[in-house]
Amino acid sequence: MAKMVMEKFDGKIPMTIDELIQLPGVGRKTANVVTSVVDKQPNMAVDTHVFRVSKRIGLVPITTKTPFAVEKELVKNFPTELIHKAHHWLILHGRYICVARNPKCEQCGIRPACRYFRTVISPAL
């Protein structure tokens, strides 16, 4: 990868998704992380937390099948100036509150707007 950065990009890490994914070992998620964190570009990296949480709380349709489809939907639905931050919000929410096996709905601040809480948790109460 370093050799390619030196030869193809004059020793500078490229800052576009299309250029970054040309580098060996760099996929779309990594390219989105690099451009959004380093350059604050409005790109949304979709990892397992973002994929699960965005579907569970209702930011994207539950039927959305791929990380790329989730990415496109999220980018449409967040204000451009917040996209580079929203990725982190969703990851942290998925790590600490909306965990995979036993979501902590009782601690969740977005519970009133959450599809999972409305359709799975509150009907059972």
C-alpha atoms as a PDB file:
ATOM      1  CA  MET A   1       0.000   0.000   0.000  1.00  0.00           C
ATOM      2  CA  ALA A   2       2.781   2.409   0.931  1.00  0.00           C
ATOM      3  CA  LYS A   3       4.496   1.796  -2.389  1.00  0.00           C
ATOM      4  CA  MET A   4       1.278   2.594  -4.244  1.00  0.00           C
ATOM      5  CA  VAL A   5       0.790   5.804  -2.211  1.00  0.00           C
ATOM      6  CA  MET A   6       4.318   6.868  -3.150  1.00  0.00           C
ATOM      7  CA  GLU A   7       4.078   5.955  -6.822  1.00  0.00           C
ATOM      8  CA  LYS A   8       0.478   6.778  -7.709  1.00  0.00           C
ATOM      9  CA  PHE A   9      -0.369   9.553  -5.244  1.00  0.00           C
ATOM     10  CA  ASP A  10       2.993  11.332  -4.899  1.00  0.00           C
ATOM     11  CA  GLY A  11       3.402  10.197  -1.311  1.00  0.00           C
ATOM     12  CA  LYS A  12       0.148  11.748  -0.133  1.00  0.00           C
ATOM     13  CA  ILE A  13      -2.800   9.772   1.212  1.00  0.00           C
ATOM     14  CA  PRO A  14      -5.653  10.447  -1.201  1.00  0.00           C
ATOM     15  CA  MET A  15      -8.824  11.988   0.215  1.00  0.00           C
ATOM     16  CA  THR A  16     -11.500  10.647  -2.094  1.00  0.00           C
ATOM     17  CA  ILE A  17     -13.393   7.396  -1.703  1.00  0.00           C
ATOM     18  CA  ASP A  18     -12.620   6.353  -5.285  1.00  0.00           C
ATOM     19  CA  GLU A  19      -8.885   6.859  -4.848  1.00  0.00           C
ATOM     20  CA  LEU A  20      -8.671   5.331  -1.376  1.00  0.00           C
ATOM     21  CA  ILE A  21     -10.397   2.101  -2.381  1.00  0.00           C
ATOM     22  CA  GLN A  22      -7.729   1.591  -5.035  1.00  0.00           C
ATOM     23  CA  LEU A  23      -5.207   1.032  -2.242  1.00  0.00           C
ATOM     24  CA  PRO A  24      -4.663  -2.603  -1.220  1.00  0.00           C
ATOM     25  CA  GLY A  25      -6.516  -3.400   1.986  1.00  0.00           C
ATOM     26  CA  VAL A  26      -8.732  -0.324   1.858  1.00  0.00           C
ATOM     27  CA  GLY A  27     -12.430  -0.962   1.406  1.00  0.00           C
ATOM     28  CA  ARG A  28     -15.366   1.400   1.359  1.00  0.00           C
ATOM     29  CA  LYS A  29     -15.807   1.448   5.144  1.00  0.00           C
ATOM     30  CA  THR A  30     -12.154   2.363   5.744  1.00  0.00           C
ATOM     31  CA  ALA A  31     -12.261   4.998   3.005  1.00  0.00           C
ATOM     32  CA  ASN A  32     -15.367   6.518   4.594  1.00  0.00           C
ATOM     33  CA  VAL A  33     -13.720   6.556   8.031  1.00  0.00           C
ATOM     34  CA  VAL A  34     -10.552   8.209   6.711  1.00  0.00           C
ATOM     35  CA  THR A  35     -12.332  10.914   4.720  1.00  0.00           C
ATOM     36  CA  SER A  36     -14.909  11.688   7.406  1.00  0.00           C
ATOM     37  CA  VAL A  37     -12.494  11.753  10.354  1.00  0.00           C
ATOM     38  CA  VAL A  38      -9.446  13.331   8.720  1.00  0.00           C
ATOM     39  CA  ASP A  39     -11.170  15.684   6.275  1.00  0.00           C
ATOM     40  CA  LYS A  40     -14.699  15.987   7.811  1.00  0.00           C
ATOM     41  CA  GLN A  41     -16.238  14.942   4.502  1.00  0.00           C
ATOM     42  CA  PRO A  42     -19.933  13.966   4.645  1.00  0.00           C
ATOM     43  CA  ASN A  43     -19.252  10.233   4.358  1.00  0.00           C
ATOM     44  CA  MET A  44     -20.875   7.525   6.487  1.00  0.00           C
ATOM     45  CA  ALA A  45     -18.900   4.426   7.393  1.00  0.00           C
ATOM     46  CA  VAL A  46     -21.228   1.499   8.072  1.00  0.00           C
ATOM     47  CA  ASP A  47     -19.863  -1.098  10.459  1.00  0.00           C
ATOM     48  CA  THR A  48     -21.862  -3.753  12.309  1.00  0.00           C
ATOM     49  CA  HIS A  49     -23.032  -1.271  14.958  1.00  0.00           C
ATOM     50  CA  VAL A  50     -24.198   1.330  12.446  1.00  0.00           C
ATOM     51  CA  PHE A  51     -25.859  -1.366  10.322  1.00  0.00           C
ATOM     52  CA  ARG A  52     -27.782  -2.835  13.275  1.00  0.00           C
ATOM     53  CA  VAL A  53     -28.662   0.381  15.101  1.00  0.00           C
ATOM     54  CA  SER A  54     -29.814   2.360  12.072  1.00  0.00           C
ATOM     55  CA  LYS A  55     -32.229  -0.417  11.138  1.00  0.00           C
ATOM     56  CA  ARG A  56     -33.342  -1.100  14.703  1.00  0.00           C
ATOM     57  CA  ILE A  57     -34.157   2.494  15.628  1.00  0.00           C
ATOM     58  CA  GLY A  58     -35.764   3.239  12.280  1.00  0.00           C
ATOM     59  CA  LEU A  59     -33.308   5.475  10.439  1.00  0.00           C
ATOM     60  CA  VAL A  60     -33.387   3.089   7.486  1.00  0.00           C
ATOM     61  CA  PRO A  61     -35.958   0.497   6.433  1.00  0.00           C
ATOM     62  CA  ILE A  62     -35.590  -2.791   8.291  1.00  0.00           C
ATOM     63  CA  THR A  63     -35.430  -4.531   4.908  1.00  0.00           C
ATOM     64  CA  THR A  64     -32.224  -2.728   3.888  1.00  0.00           C
ATOM     65  CA  LYS A  65     -29.831  -5.555   3.044  1.00  0.00           C
ATOM     66  CA  THR A  66     -26.320  -4.192   2.510  1.00  0.00           C
ATOM     67  CA  PRO A  67     -23.972  -1.780   4.281  1.00  0.00           C
ATOM     68  CA  PHE A  68     -23.797   0.294   1.088  1.00  0.00           C
ATOM     69  CA  ALA A  69     -27.603   0.590   0.970  1.00  0.00           C
ATOM     70  CA  VAL A  70     -27.625   1.659   4.637  1.00  0.00           C
ATOM     71  CA  GLU A  71     -24.869   4.190   3.892  1.00  0.00           C
ATOM     72  CA  LYS A  72     -26.833   5.731   1.013  1.00  0.00           C
ATOM     73  CA  GLU A  73     -30.009   5.954   3.098  1.00  0.00           C
ATOM     74  CA  LEU A  74     -28.270   7.514   6.103  1.00  0.00           C
ATOM     75  CA  VAL A  75     -26.461  10.086   3.966  1.00  0.00           C
ATOM     76  CA  LYS A  76     -29.844  11.121   2.520  1.00  0.00           C
ATOM     77  CA  ASN A  77     -31.421  11.496   5.954  1.00  0.00           C
ATOM     78  CA  PHE A  78     -28.765  13.357   7.959  1.00  0.00           C
ATOM     79  CA  PRO A  79     -27.894  17.019   7.434  1.00  0.00           C
ATOM     80  CA  THR A  80     -24.674  17.169   5.418  1.00  0.00           C
ATOM     81  CA  GLU A  81     -22.784  19.049   8.129  1.00  0.00           C
ATOM     82  CA  LEU A  82     -23.542  16.297  10.690  1.00  0.00           C
ATOM     83  CA  ILE A  83     -22.803  13.157   8.660  1.00  0.00           C
ATOM     84  CA  HIS A  84     -19.144  12.918   9.698  1.00  0.00           C
ATOM     85  CA  LYS A  85     -20.241  13.044  13.370  1.00  0.00           C
ATOM     86  CA  ALA A  86     -23.350  10.853  13.044  1.00  0.00           C
ATOM     87  CA  HIS A  87     -21.199   7.830  12.239  1.00  0.00           C
ATOM     88  CA  HIS A  88     -19.626   8.089  15.702  1.00  0.00           C
ATOM     89  CA  TRP A  89     -22.976   8.683  17.431  1.00  0.00           C
ATOM     90  CA  LEU A  90     -24.403   5.505  15.921  1.00  0.00           C
ATOM     91  CA  ILE A  91     -21.321   3.433  16.753  1.00  0.00           C
ATOM     92  CA  LEU A  92     -21.271   4.556  20.371  1.00  0.00           C
ATOM     93  CA  HIS A  93     -25.015   4.090  20.741  1.00  0.00           C
ATOM     94  CA  GLY A  94     -24.623   0.555  19.401  1.00  0.00           C
ATOM     95  CA  ARG A  95     -21.679  -0.248  21.660  1.00  0.00           C
ATOM     96  CA  TYR A  96     -23.106   1.009  24.923  1.00  0.00           C
ATOM     97  CA  ILE A  97     -26.906   1.321  24.761  1.00  0.00           C
ATOM     98  CA  CYS A  98     -28.417  -0.405  21.738  1.00  0.00           C
ATOM     99  CA  VAL A  99     -26.268  -3.501  22.140  1.00  0.00           C
ATOM    100  CA  ALA A 100     -26.954  -6.525  19.956  1.00  0.00           C
ATOM    101  CA  ARG A 101     -28.283  -9.089  22.425  1.00  0.00           C
ATOM    102  CA  ASN A 102     -29.901  -7.138  25.256  1.00  0.00           C
ATOM    103  CA  PRO A 103     -30.459  -3.504  24.289  1.00  0.00           C
ATOM    104  CA  LYS A 104     -30.618  -1.176  27.284  1.00  0.00           C
ATOM    105  CA  CYS A 105     -33.892   0.489  26.310  1.00  0.00           C
ATOM    106  CA  GLU A 106     -34.497   1.676  29.878  1.00  0.00           C
ATOM    107  CA  GLN A 107     -31.377   3.892  29.585  1.00  0.00           C
ATOM    108  CA  CYS A 108     -32.021   5.088  26.044  1.00  0.00           C
ATOM    109  CA  GLY A 109     -32.705   8.750  25.358  1.00  0.00           C
ATOM    110  CA  ILE A 110     -34.224   8.076  21.938  1.00  0.00           C
ATOM    111  CA  ARG A 111     -36.656   5.432  23.168  1.00  0.00           C
ATOM    112  CA  PRO A 112     -39.787   7.507  22.260  1.00  0.00           C
ATOM    113  CA  ALA A 113     -38.683   7.666  18.620  1.00  0.00           C
ATOM    114  CA  CYS A 114     -37.265   4.137  18.359  1.00  0.00           C
ATOM    115  CA  ARG A 115     -38.966   1.621  16.071  1.00  0.00           C
ATOM    116  CA  TYR A 116     -37.583  -1.341  18.045  1.00  0.00           C
ATOM    117  CA  PHE A 117     -38.873  -0.001  21.344  1.00  0.00           C
ATOM    118  CA  ARG A 118     -42.320   0.806  19.906  1.00  0.00           C
ATOM    119  CA  THR A 119     -42.775  -2.499  18.064  1.00  0.00           C
ATOM    120  CA  VAL A 120     -40.894  -5.043  20.183  1.00  0.00           C
ATOM    121  CA  ILE A 121     -40.413  -3.769  23.743  1.00  0.00           C
ATOM    122  CA  SER A 122     -43.422  -1.564  24.566  1.00  0.00           C
ATOM    123  CA  PRO A 123     -46.097  -3.940  23.139  1.00  0.00           C
ATOM    124  CA  ALA A 124     -44.704  -6.617  25.471  1.00  0.00           C
ATOM    125  CA  LEU A 125     -45.080  -4.344  28.528  1.00  0.00           C
END
